[in-house]
């Protein structure tokens, strides 16, 4: 869909803005919510996070907006440096983009992106949110990483394939409507 580096960066920006908010919500409420409530004795997840002084990152509580910002920067860099280029190459290894139906090729790219980004971002999250107060143990970090991948992969796969990417593609088509129309007219000639 994106044709040049600027369009790729805009596409990644839109994707990461939506995805990071979804994952922070999912992580705080679904994966860690009950633990936060148990630790603090609060009945709500947000109240528990507030009582803890924020979300522990490297053992220091920070506000949720800072967590979103940190994850956005890391995910955006990783998507542009590793995720997008490798997922396109992986999709091209199995499908010829000129001969394959665009929906099938885009689906292959989405699946490859999830396969790359989910383990990478899960490792980053395991490292950032590790319980450093209890002491550091490499095996515990690896177990947390595996646990996060088991939680995150199904969520990533289904949200990216059925919700996030179709929405991002619609937004992208609205933003770059003139460029897309010009390209279609040029290819028709």
N, C-alpha and C. Protein backbone atom coordinates (compact mmCIF):
# COMPACT_ATOMS: atom_id res chain seq x y z
N UNK A 1 0.81 -1.20 0.00
CA UNK A 1 0.00 0.00 0.00
C UNK A 1 0.85 1.27 0.00
N UNK A 2 1.69 1.52 1.01
CA UNK A 2 2.57 2.69 0.95
C UNK A 2 3.61 2.52 -0.16
N UNK A 3 3.89 3.60 -0.89
CA UNK A 3 4.79 3.51 -2.04
C UNK A 3 6.16 4.11 -1.81
N UNK A 4 6.30 5.00 -0.84
CA UNK A 4 7.61 5.62 -0.61
C UNK A 4 7.88 5.65 0.90
N UNK A 5 9.06 6.09 1.26
CA UNK A 5 9.47 6.07 2.66
C UNK A 5 8.57 6.93 3.55
N UNK A 6 8.19 8.11 3.05
CA UNK A 6 7.30 8.98 3.83
C UNK A 6 5.97 8.28 4.11
N UNK A 7 5.38 7.67 3.07
CA UNK A 7 4.12 6.97 3.25
C UNK A 7 4.27 5.78 4.20
N UNK A 8 5.39 5.07 4.12
CA UNK A 8 5.63 3.95 5.04
C UNK A 8 5.69 4.44 6.48
N UNK A 9 6.34 5.58 6.69
CA UNK A 9 6.46 6.12 8.04
C UNK A 9 5.11 6.59 8.57
N UNK A 10 4.29 7.19 7.70
CA UNK A 10 2.94 7.61 8.11
C UNK A 10 2.09 6.38 8.43
N UNK A 11 2.17 5.36 7.58
CA UNK A 11 1.43 4.12 7.81
C UNK A 11 1.83 3.49 9.14
N UNK A 12 3.13 3.43 9.40
CA UNK A 12 3.63 2.88 10.67
C UNK A 12 3.18 3.74 11.85
N UNK A 13 3.20 5.05 11.68
CA UNK A 13 2.78 5.96 12.75
C UNK A 13 1.32 5.71 13.14
N UNK A 14 0.45 5.64 12.16
CA UNK A 14 -0.97 5.41 12.44
C UNK A 14 -1.16 4.04 13.11
N UNK A 15 -0.49 3.03 12.58
CA UNK A 15 -0.59 1.68 13.14
C UNK A 15 -0.12 1.65 14.58
N UNK A 16 1.03 2.25 14.85
CA UNK A 16 1.61 2.19 16.20
C UNK A 16 0.79 3.00 17.19
N UNK A 17 0.25 4.14 16.78
CA UNK A 17 -0.59 4.93 17.69
C UNK A 17 -1.77 4.09 18.18
N UNK A 18 -2.44 3.42 17.27
CA UNK A 18 -3.60 2.61 17.64
C UNK A 18 -3.16 1.38 18.44
N UNK A 19 -2.14 0.71 17.94
CA UNK A 19 -1.70 -0.54 18.55
C UNK A 19 -1.18 -0.34 19.97
N UNK A 20 -0.37 0.67 20.20
CA UNK A 20 0.19 0.89 21.54
C UNK A 20 -0.91 1.16 22.56
N UNK A 21 -1.88 1.97 22.20
CA UNK A 21 -2.99 2.23 23.14
C UNK A 21 -3.74 0.93 23.45
N UNK A 22 -3.98 0.11 22.42
CA UNK A 22 -4.69 -1.16 22.63
C UNK A 22 -3.88 -2.08 23.54
N UNK A 23 -2.56 -2.16 23.31
CA UNK A 23 -1.74 -3.07 24.08
C UNK A 23 -1.51 -2.60 25.51
N UNK A 24 -1.38 -1.32 25.71
CA UNK A 24 -1.23 -0.82 27.08
C UNK A 24 -2.50 -1.11 27.87
N UNK A 25 -3.65 -0.85 27.27
CA UNK A 25 -4.91 -1.17 27.93
C UNK A 25 -4.99 -2.67 28.21
N UNK A 26 -4.70 -3.48 27.20
CA UNK A 26 -4.75 -4.95 27.34
C UNK A 26 -3.79 -5.43 28.43
N UNK A 27 -2.59 -4.92 28.42
CA UNK A 27 -1.58 -5.34 29.39
C UNK A 27 -1.96 -4.94 30.82
N UNK A 28 -2.37 -3.69 30.99
CA UNK A 28 -2.68 -3.21 32.33
C UNK A 28 -3.96 -3.81 32.89
N UNK A 29 -4.97 -3.94 32.06
CA UNK A 29 -6.26 -4.41 32.56
C UNK A 29 -6.41 -5.93 32.51
N UNK A 30 -6.06 -6.54 31.38
CA UNK A 30 -6.31 -7.97 31.22
C UNK A 30 -5.20 -8.82 31.84
N UNK A 31 -3.95 -8.52 31.51
CA UNK A 31 -2.84 -9.37 31.98
C UNK A 31 -2.48 -9.08 33.43
N UNK A 32 -2.31 -7.80 33.78
CA UNK A 32 -1.80 -7.46 35.11
C UNK A 32 -2.83 -6.85 36.06
N UNK A 33 -4.03 -6.61 35.59
CA UNK A 33 -5.03 -5.92 36.40
C UNK A 33 -5.32 -6.56 37.73
N UNK A 34 -5.57 -7.87 37.72
CA UNK A 34 -5.91 -8.54 38.99
C UNK A 34 -4.72 -8.54 39.96
N UNK A 35 -3.50 -8.63 39.41
CA UNK A 35 -2.32 -8.58 40.27
C UNK A 35 -2.21 -7.20 40.94
N UNK A 36 -2.43 -6.13 40.18
CA UNK A 36 -2.38 -4.78 40.74
C UNK A 36 -3.43 -4.62 41.83
N UNK A 37 -4.63 -5.17 41.59
CA UNK A 37 -5.70 -5.08 42.58
C UNK A 37 -5.35 -5.86 43.84
N UNK A 38 -4.74 -7.04 43.69
CA UNK A 38 -4.34 -7.84 44.86
C UNK A 38 -3.28 -7.12 45.68
N UNK A 39 -2.30 -6.54 44.99
CA UNK A 39 -1.20 -5.86 45.69
C UNK A 39 -1.71 -4.70 46.52
N UNK A 40 -2.64 -3.93 45.95
CA UNK A 40 -3.09 -2.69 46.61
C UNK A 40 -4.37 -2.86 47.43
N UNK A 41 -5.14 -3.90 47.15
CA UNK A 41 -6.41 -4.07 47.83
C UNK A 41 -7.53 -3.24 47.22
N UNK A 42 -7.28 -2.59 46.11
CA UNK A 42 -8.30 -1.78 45.43
C UNK A 42 -9.23 -2.67 44.61
N UNK A 43 -10.43 -2.17 44.34
CA UNK A 43 -11.39 -2.95 43.55
C UNK A 43 -11.30 -2.65 42.06
N UNK A 44 -10.70 -1.53 41.69
CA UNK A 44 -10.55 -1.18 40.29
C UNK A 44 -9.08 -1.13 39.88
N UNK A 45 -8.83 -1.44 38.62
CA UNK A 45 -7.45 -1.46 38.13
C UNK A 45 -6.84 -0.06 38.12
N UNK A 46 -7.58 0.91 37.64
CA UNK A 46 -7.06 2.28 37.60
C UNK A 46 -6.79 2.81 39.01
N UNK A 47 -7.67 2.50 39.94
CA UNK A 47 -7.46 2.91 41.34
C UNK A 47 -6.21 2.24 41.90
N UNK A 48 -5.99 0.97 41.54
CA UNK A 48 -4.81 0.24 42.01
C UNK A 48 -3.53 0.86 41.44
N UNK A 49 -3.56 1.21 40.15
CA UNK A 49 -2.38 1.84 39.53
C UNK A 49 -2.10 3.19 40.17
N UNK A 50 -3.14 3.96 40.41
CA UNK A 50 -2.97 5.25 41.07
C UNK A 50 -2.41 5.09 42.49
N UNK A 51 -2.90 4.07 43.21
CA UNK A 51 -2.42 3.84 44.58
C UNK A 51 -0.94 3.44 44.58
N UNK A 52 -0.51 2.73 43.52
CA UNK A 52 0.90 2.32 43.41
C UNK A 52 1.78 3.48 42.96
N UNK A 53 1.16 4.59 42.57
CA UNK A 53 1.92 5.74 42.08
C UNK A 53 2.21 5.67 40.60
N UNK A 54 1.61 4.72 39.92
CA UNK A 54 1.81 4.54 38.48
C UNK A 54 2.17 3.10 38.16
N UNK A 55 2.61 2.91 36.93
CA UNK A 55 3.00 1.58 36.46
C UNK A 55 4.50 1.42 36.69
N UNK A 56 4.92 0.33 37.33
CA UNK A 56 6.36 0.16 37.57
C UNK A 56 7.14 -0.13 36.28
N UNK A 57 8.06 0.77 35.93
CA UNK A 57 8.96 0.60 34.79
C UNK A 57 10.38 0.67 35.35
N UNK A 58 11.14 -0.39 35.16
CA UNK A 58 12.46 -0.54 35.79
C UNK A 58 12.35 -0.36 37.30
N UNK A 59 11.22 -0.76 37.85
CA UNK A 59 11.03 -0.70 39.30
C UNK A 59 10.57 0.65 39.82
N UNK A 60 10.43 1.65 38.95
CA UNK A 60 10.00 3.00 39.36
C UNK A 60 8.62 3.28 38.80
N UNK A 61 7.66 3.65 39.64
CA UNK A 61 6.31 3.94 39.14
C UNK A 61 6.28 5.18 38.26
N UNK A 62 5.67 5.05 37.09
CA UNK A 62 5.49 6.20 36.19
C UNK A 62 4.03 6.25 35.74
N UNK A 63 3.54 7.43 35.35
CA UNK A 63 2.13 7.55 34.92
C UNK A 63 1.86 6.75 33.64
N UNK A 64 0.60 6.41 33.46
CA UNK A 64 0.20 5.62 32.29
C UNK A 64 0.56 6.34 31.00
N UNK A 65 0.40 7.67 30.94
CA UNK A 65 0.73 8.38 29.70
C UNK A 65 2.21 8.23 29.34
N UNK A 66 3.07 8.11 30.34
CA UNK A 66 4.50 7.91 30.08
C UNK A 66 4.75 6.50 29.55
N UNK A 67 4.00 5.52 30.06
CA UNK A 67 4.10 4.15 29.55
C UNK A 67 3.72 4.13 28.07
N UNK A 68 2.63 4.80 27.72
CA UNK A 68 2.19 4.87 26.33
C UNK A 68 3.27 5.53 25.47
N UNK A 69 3.84 6.61 25.95
CA UNK A 69 4.89 7.32 25.19
C UNK A 69 6.13 6.44 24.99
N UNK A 70 6.58 5.78 26.05
CA UNK A 70 7.76 4.90 25.96
C UNK A 70 7.50 3.77 24.96
N UNK A 71 6.36 3.12 25.10
CA UNK A 71 6.05 2.01 24.20
C UNK A 71 5.86 2.49 22.78
N UNK A 72 5.29 3.69 22.59
CA UNK A 72 5.12 4.23 21.24
C UNK A 72 6.48 4.42 20.57
N UNK A 73 7.40 5.07 21.25
CA UNK A 73 8.73 5.32 20.67
C UNK A 73 9.42 4.01 20.32
N UNK A 74 9.41 3.06 21.24
CA UNK A 74 10.07 1.78 21.00
C UNK A 74 9.40 1.00 19.86
N UNK A 75 8.07 0.96 19.85
CA UNK A 75 7.35 0.22 18.81
C UNK A 75 7.52 0.88 17.44
N UNK A 76 7.50 2.21 17.40
CA UNK A 76 7.64 2.92 16.13
C UNK A 76 9.03 2.69 15.54
N UNK A 77 10.05 2.77 16.37
CA UNK A 77 11.41 2.50 15.89
C UNK A 77 11.55 1.05 15.43
N UNK A 78 11.06 0.13 16.22
CA UNK A 78 11.16 -1.28 15.87
C UNK A 78 10.38 -1.60 14.60
N UNK A 79 9.21 -1.02 14.45
CA UNK A 79 8.40 -1.25 13.25
C UNK A 79 9.11 -0.75 12.00
N UNK A 80 9.70 0.43 12.07
CA UNK A 80 10.37 1.00 10.89
C UNK A 80 11.70 0.33 10.58
N UNK A 81 12.42 -0.09 11.61
CA UNK A 81 13.74 -0.67 11.40
C UNK A 81 13.66 -2.17 11.10
N UNK A 82 12.79 -2.87 11.78
CA UNK A 82 12.77 -4.33 11.70
C UNK A 82 11.45 -4.88 11.16
N UNK A 83 10.35 -4.50 11.76
CA UNK A 83 9.05 -5.10 11.46
C UNK A 83 8.60 -4.97 10.02
N UNK A 84 8.48 -3.77 9.52
CA UNK A 84 7.98 -3.55 8.16
C UNK A 84 8.91 -4.14 7.09
N UNK A 85 10.22 -3.85 7.14
CA UNK A 85 11.08 -4.40 6.08
C UNK A 85 11.13 -5.93 6.06
N UNK A 86 11.24 -6.54 7.24
CA UNK A 86 11.33 -8.00 7.29
C UNK A 86 10.01 -8.67 6.94
N UNK A 87 8.89 -8.09 7.36
CA UNK A 87 7.60 -8.71 7.05
C UNK A 87 7.33 -8.68 5.55
N UNK A 88 7.72 -7.61 4.87
CA UNK A 88 7.55 -7.53 3.42
C UNK A 88 8.42 -8.59 2.73
N UNK A 89 9.67 -8.73 3.19
CA UNK A 89 10.56 -9.74 2.60
C UNK A 89 10.04 -11.15 2.84
N UNK A 90 9.52 -11.41 4.05
CA UNK A 90 8.96 -12.73 4.34
C UNK A 90 7.74 -13.02 3.46
N UNK A 91 6.89 -12.03 3.28
CA UNK A 91 5.71 -12.22 2.43
C UNK A 91 6.13 -12.46 0.98
N UNK A 92 7.15 -11.75 0.52
CA UNK A 92 7.63 -11.91 -0.86
C UNK A 92 8.30 -13.27 -1.08
N UNK A 93 8.82 -13.87 -0.01
CA UNK A 93 9.42 -15.21 -0.15
C UNK A 93 8.37 -16.25 -0.52
N UNK A 94 7.16 -16.03 -0.06
CA UNK A 94 6.09 -17.01 -0.29
C UNK A 94 5.09 -16.61 -1.36
N UNK A 95 4.98 -15.32 -1.64
CA UNK A 95 4.01 -14.84 -2.61
C UNK A 95 4.65 -13.80 -3.52
N UNK A 96 4.30 -13.84 -4.79
CA UNK A 96 4.74 -12.81 -5.73
C UNK A 96 3.72 -11.68 -5.66
N UNK A 97 4.14 -10.47 -5.25
CA UNK A 97 3.16 -9.38 -5.08
C UNK A 97 2.43 -9.00 -6.37
N UNK A 98 3.04 -9.26 -7.52
CA UNK A 98 2.40 -8.89 -8.79
C UNK A 98 1.37 -9.93 -9.23
N UNK A 99 1.52 -11.16 -8.76
CA UNK A 99 0.61 -12.23 -9.17
C UNK A 99 -0.40 -12.61 -8.09
N UNK A 100 -0.17 -12.20 -6.87
CA UNK A 100 -1.03 -12.58 -5.75
C UNK A 100 -2.11 -11.52 -5.54
N UNK A 101 -3.30 -11.97 -5.21
CA UNK A 101 -4.39 -11.02 -4.92
C UNK A 101 -3.95 -10.11 -3.77
N UNK A 102 -4.20 -8.80 -3.87
CA UNK A 102 -3.72 -7.86 -2.84
C UNK A 102 -4.17 -8.19 -1.42
N UNK A 103 -5.37 -8.70 -1.25
CA UNK A 103 -5.85 -9.03 0.10
C UNK A 103 -5.01 -10.17 0.69
N UNK A 104 -4.70 -11.17 -0.12
CA UNK A 104 -3.89 -12.29 0.36
C UNK A 104 -2.47 -11.83 0.68
N UNK A 105 -1.92 -10.97 -0.17
CA UNK A 105 -0.56 -10.48 0.07
C UNK A 105 -0.51 -9.59 1.32
N UNK A 106 -1.49 -8.72 1.49
CA UNK A 106 -1.55 -7.88 2.69
C UNK A 106 -1.73 -8.72 3.95
N UNK A 107 -2.51 -9.79 3.86
CA UNK A 107 -2.69 -10.69 4.99
C UNK A 107 -1.37 -11.37 5.35
N UNK A 108 -0.61 -11.76 4.33
CA UNK A 108 0.70 -12.37 4.58
C UNK A 108 1.63 -11.38 5.28
N UNK A 109 1.59 -10.12 4.87
CA UNK A 109 2.42 -9.08 5.51
C UNK A 109 2.00 -8.88 6.96
N UNK A 110 0.70 -8.82 7.21
CA UNK A 110 0.20 -8.63 8.57
C UNK A 110 0.64 -9.80 9.46
N UNK A 111 0.48 -11.03 8.97
CA UNK A 111 0.87 -12.21 9.76
C UNK A 111 2.37 -12.20 10.04
N UNK A 112 3.17 -11.84 9.04
CA UNK A 112 4.62 -11.79 9.24
C UNK A 112 4.98 -10.68 10.23
N UNK A 113 4.31 -9.56 10.15
CA UNK A 113 4.58 -8.46 11.08
C UNK A 113 4.27 -8.88 12.51
N UNK A 114 3.14 -9.52 12.71
CA UNK A 114 2.79 -10.01 14.05
C UNK A 114 3.84 -11.01 14.53
N UNK A 115 4.28 -11.89 13.64
CA UNK A 115 5.28 -12.88 14.00
C UNK A 115 6.62 -12.28 14.39
N UNK A 116 6.92 -11.10 13.88
CA UNK A 116 8.17 -10.40 14.22
C UNK A 116 7.99 -9.48 15.42
N UNK A 117 6.96 -8.66 15.38
CA UNK A 117 6.78 -7.62 16.40
C UNK A 117 6.31 -8.17 17.74
N UNK A 118 5.49 -9.20 17.75
CA UNK A 118 4.98 -9.72 19.02
C UNK A 118 6.09 -10.24 19.92
N UNK A 119 6.99 -11.11 19.43
CA UNK A 119 8.08 -11.55 20.32
C UNK A 119 9.01 -10.40 20.72
N UNK A 120 9.28 -9.49 19.78
CA UNK A 120 10.20 -8.38 20.07
C UNK A 120 9.61 -7.44 21.12
N UNK A 121 8.37 -7.01 20.94
CA UNK A 121 7.76 -6.09 21.89
C UNK A 121 7.43 -6.79 23.22
N UNK A 122 7.14 -8.08 23.17
CA UNK A 122 6.91 -8.82 24.42
C UNK A 122 8.20 -8.89 25.24
N UNK A 123 9.33 -9.05 24.56
CA UNK A 123 10.61 -9.07 25.28
C UNK A 123 10.90 -7.71 25.89
N UNK A 124 10.66 -6.65 25.12
CA UNK A 124 10.87 -5.29 25.64
C UNK A 124 9.98 -5.05 26.86
N UNK A 125 8.71 -5.47 26.76
CA UNK A 125 7.79 -5.30 27.89
C UNK A 125 8.24 -6.11 29.10
N UNK A 126 8.68 -7.36 28.85
CA UNK A 126 9.16 -8.19 29.97
C UNK A 126 10.35 -7.53 30.66
N UNK A 127 11.20 -6.91 29.89
CA UNK A 127 12.39 -6.24 30.42
C UNK A 127 12.01 -4.96 31.17
N UNK A 128 11.12 -4.15 30.57
CA UNK A 128 10.72 -2.87 31.19
C UNK A 128 9.95 -3.08 32.49
N UNK A 129 9.03 -4.04 32.49
CA UNK A 129 8.10 -4.20 33.61
C UNK A 129 8.50 -5.32 34.56
N UNK A 130 9.72 -5.79 34.44
CA UNK A 130 10.23 -6.86 35.31
C UNK A 130 10.20 -6.38 36.76
N UNK A 131 9.95 -7.30 37.69
CA UNK A 131 9.90 -6.96 39.11
C UNK A 131 11.32 -6.89 39.67
N UNK A 132 11.97 -5.76 39.43
CA UNK A 132 13.37 -5.60 39.84
C UNK A 132 13.53 -5.56 41.36
N UNK A 133 12.47 -5.23 42.08
CA UNK A 133 12.54 -5.18 43.55
C UNK A 133 12.83 -6.56 44.13
N UNK A 134 12.41 -7.61 43.43
CA UNK A 134 12.64 -8.97 43.91
C UNK A 134 14.01 -9.51 43.50
N UNK A 135 14.80 -8.70 42.80
CA UNK A 135 16.10 -9.15 42.29
C UNK A 135 15.96 -9.63 40.86
N UNK A 136 17.05 -9.56 40.12
CA UNK A 136 17.02 -9.94 38.71
C UNK A 136 17.46 -11.38 38.53
N UNK A 137 16.70 -12.12 37.72
CA UNK A 137 17.03 -13.49 37.37
C UNK A 137 16.72 -13.66 35.88
N UNK A 138 17.71 -14.06 35.10
CA UNK A 138 17.54 -14.22 33.65
C UNK A 138 16.45 -15.22 33.32
N UNK A 139 16.38 -16.32 34.06
CA UNK A 139 15.36 -17.34 33.78
C UNK A 139 13.95 -16.80 34.04
N UNK A 140 13.82 -15.99 35.07
CA UNK A 140 12.52 -15.37 35.36
C UNK A 140 12.14 -14.41 34.24
N UNK A 141 13.11 -13.64 33.76
CA UNK A 141 12.85 -12.72 32.64
C UNK A 141 12.40 -13.51 31.41
N UNK A 142 13.07 -14.59 31.09
CA UNK A 142 12.70 -15.41 29.93
C UNK A 142 11.32 -16.04 30.12
N UNK A 143 11.01 -16.47 31.35
CA UNK A 143 9.68 -17.03 31.62
C UNK A 143 8.60 -15.95 31.46
N UNK A 144 8.88 -14.74 31.93
CA UNK A 144 7.93 -13.62 31.76
C UNK A 144 7.73 -13.31 30.29
N UNK A 145 8.83 -13.36 29.52
CA UNK A 145 8.75 -13.10 28.08
C UNK A 145 7.86 -14.14 27.41
N UNK A 146 8.06 -15.40 27.74
CA UNK A 146 7.24 -16.46 27.16
C UNK A 146 5.77 -16.29 27.55
N UNK A 147 5.53 -15.95 28.82
CA UNK A 147 4.16 -15.73 29.29
C UNK A 147 3.51 -14.59 28.52
N UNK A 148 4.25 -13.48 28.35
CA UNK A 148 3.71 -12.34 27.61
C UNK A 148 3.43 -12.70 26.15
N UNK A 149 4.32 -13.47 25.53
CA UNK A 149 4.06 -13.88 24.14
C UNK A 149 2.80 -14.73 24.05
N UNK A 150 2.60 -15.62 25.02
CA UNK A 150 1.40 -16.46 25.01
C UNK A 150 0.13 -15.62 25.17
N UNK A 151 0.19 -14.58 25.98
CA UNK A 151 -0.95 -13.67 26.12
C UNK A 151 -1.10 -12.77 24.90
N UNK A 152 0.01 -12.21 24.42
CA UNK A 152 -0.04 -11.17 23.39
C UNK A 152 -0.28 -11.70 21.98
N UNK A 153 0.25 -12.87 21.65
CA UNK A 153 0.16 -13.32 20.26
C UNK A 153 -1.27 -13.44 19.75
N UNK A 154 -2.17 -14.15 20.45
CA UNK A 154 -3.55 -14.22 19.93
C UNK A 154 -4.20 -12.84 19.84
N UNK A 155 -3.96 -12.01 20.84
CA UNK A 155 -4.52 -10.66 20.81
C UNK A 155 -3.96 -9.88 19.61
N UNK A 156 -2.65 -9.96 19.41
CA UNK A 156 -2.00 -9.24 18.30
C UNK A 156 -2.52 -9.75 16.96
N UNK A 157 -2.56 -11.05 16.81
CA UNK A 157 -2.97 -11.63 15.53
C UNK A 157 -4.38 -11.19 15.14
N UNK A 158 -5.32 -11.39 16.04
CA UNK A 158 -6.70 -11.10 15.69
C UNK A 158 -7.00 -9.60 15.60
N UNK A 159 -6.45 -8.79 16.49
CA UNK A 159 -6.71 -7.36 16.40
C UNK A 159 -6.06 -6.76 15.16
N UNK A 160 -4.84 -7.16 14.84
CA UNK A 160 -4.17 -6.62 13.65
C UNK A 160 -4.88 -7.06 12.37
N UNK A 161 -5.22 -8.33 12.30
CA UNK A 161 -5.80 -8.88 11.07
C UNK A 161 -7.21 -8.38 10.81
N UNK A 162 -8.02 -8.28 11.86
CA UNK A 162 -9.43 -7.99 11.65
C UNK A 162 -9.88 -6.57 12.01
N UNK A 163 -9.10 -5.84 12.81
CA UNK A 163 -9.55 -4.52 13.24
C UNK A 163 -8.55 -3.42 12.90
N UNK A 164 -7.36 -3.52 13.44
CA UNK A 164 -6.40 -2.42 13.35
C UNK A 164 -5.97 -2.17 11.91
N UNK A 165 -5.45 -3.19 11.23
CA UNK A 165 -4.95 -2.97 9.86
C UNK A 165 -6.04 -2.56 8.88
N UNK A 166 -7.25 -3.17 8.89
CA UNK A 166 -8.29 -2.65 7.99
C UNK A 166 -8.62 -1.18 8.26
N UNK A 167 -8.65 -0.80 9.54
CA UNK A 167 -8.92 0.61 9.88
C UNK A 167 -7.78 1.51 9.42
N UNK A 168 -6.55 1.09 9.66
CA UNK A 168 -5.38 1.89 9.24
C UNK A 168 -5.37 2.05 7.73
N UNK A 169 -5.69 1.01 6.99
CA UNK A 169 -5.72 1.10 5.53
C UNK A 169 -6.78 2.09 5.05
N UNK A 170 -7.93 2.11 5.72
CA UNK A 170 -8.97 3.09 5.37
C UNK A 170 -8.49 4.52 5.62
N UNK A 171 -7.89 4.74 6.79
CA UNK A 171 -7.37 6.07 7.13
C UNK A 171 -6.28 6.47 6.14
N UNK A 172 -5.40 5.53 5.83
CA UNK A 172 -4.31 5.80 4.89
C UNK A 172 -4.87 6.19 3.52
N UNK A 173 -5.91 5.50 3.06
CA UNK A 173 -6.53 5.82 1.76
C UNK A 173 -7.15 7.21 1.77
N UNK A 174 -7.68 7.64 2.90
CA UNK A 174 -8.24 8.98 2.99
C UNK A 174 -7.13 10.03 2.95
N UNK A 175 -6.05 9.80 3.68
CA UNK A 175 -4.94 10.76 3.75
C UNK A 175 -4.26 10.89 2.39
N UNK A 176 -4.04 9.77 1.71
CA UNK A 176 -3.29 9.79 0.44
C UNK A 176 -4.20 9.54 -0.76
N UNK A 177 -5.44 10.01 -0.70
CA UNK A 177 -6.40 9.76 -1.77
C UNK A 177 -5.92 10.31 -3.12
N UNK A 178 -5.35 11.52 -3.13
CA UNK A 178 -4.88 12.10 -4.40
C UNK A 178 -3.76 11.28 -5.01
N UNK A 179 -2.82 10.86 -4.19
CA UNK A 179 -1.69 10.06 -4.68
C UNK A 179 -2.17 8.71 -5.21
N UNK A 180 -3.09 8.08 -4.51
CA UNK A 180 -3.61 6.79 -4.93
C UNK A 180 -4.37 6.92 -6.24
N UNK A 181 -5.18 7.98 -6.36
CA UNK A 181 -5.95 8.21 -7.59
C UNK A 181 -5.01 8.47 -8.76
N UNK A 182 -3.99 9.27 -8.55
CA UNK A 182 -3.01 9.57 -9.62
C UNK A 182 -2.29 8.31 -10.05
N UNK A 183 -1.93 7.46 -9.10
CA UNK A 183 -1.23 6.21 -9.42
C UNK A 183 -2.14 5.28 -10.22
N UNK A 184 -3.43 5.22 -9.87
CA UNK A 184 -4.37 4.37 -10.59
C UNK A 184 -4.59 4.89 -12.02
N UNK A 185 -4.68 6.21 -12.16
CA UNK A 185 -4.83 6.77 -13.51
C UNK A 185 -3.61 6.53 -14.37
N UNK A 186 -2.43 6.61 -13.75
CA UNK A 186 -1.18 6.39 -14.48
C UNK A 186 -1.08 4.93 -14.93
N UNK A 187 -1.46 4.00 -14.06
CA UNK A 187 -1.36 2.58 -14.42
C UNK A 187 -2.41 2.17 -15.43
N UNK A 188 -3.53 2.92 -15.53
CA UNK A 188 -4.58 2.62 -16.49
C UNK A 188 -4.17 3.05 -17.91
N UNK A 189 -3.23 3.98 -17.98
CA UNK A 189 -2.81 4.51 -19.30
C UNK A 189 -1.90 3.57 -20.01
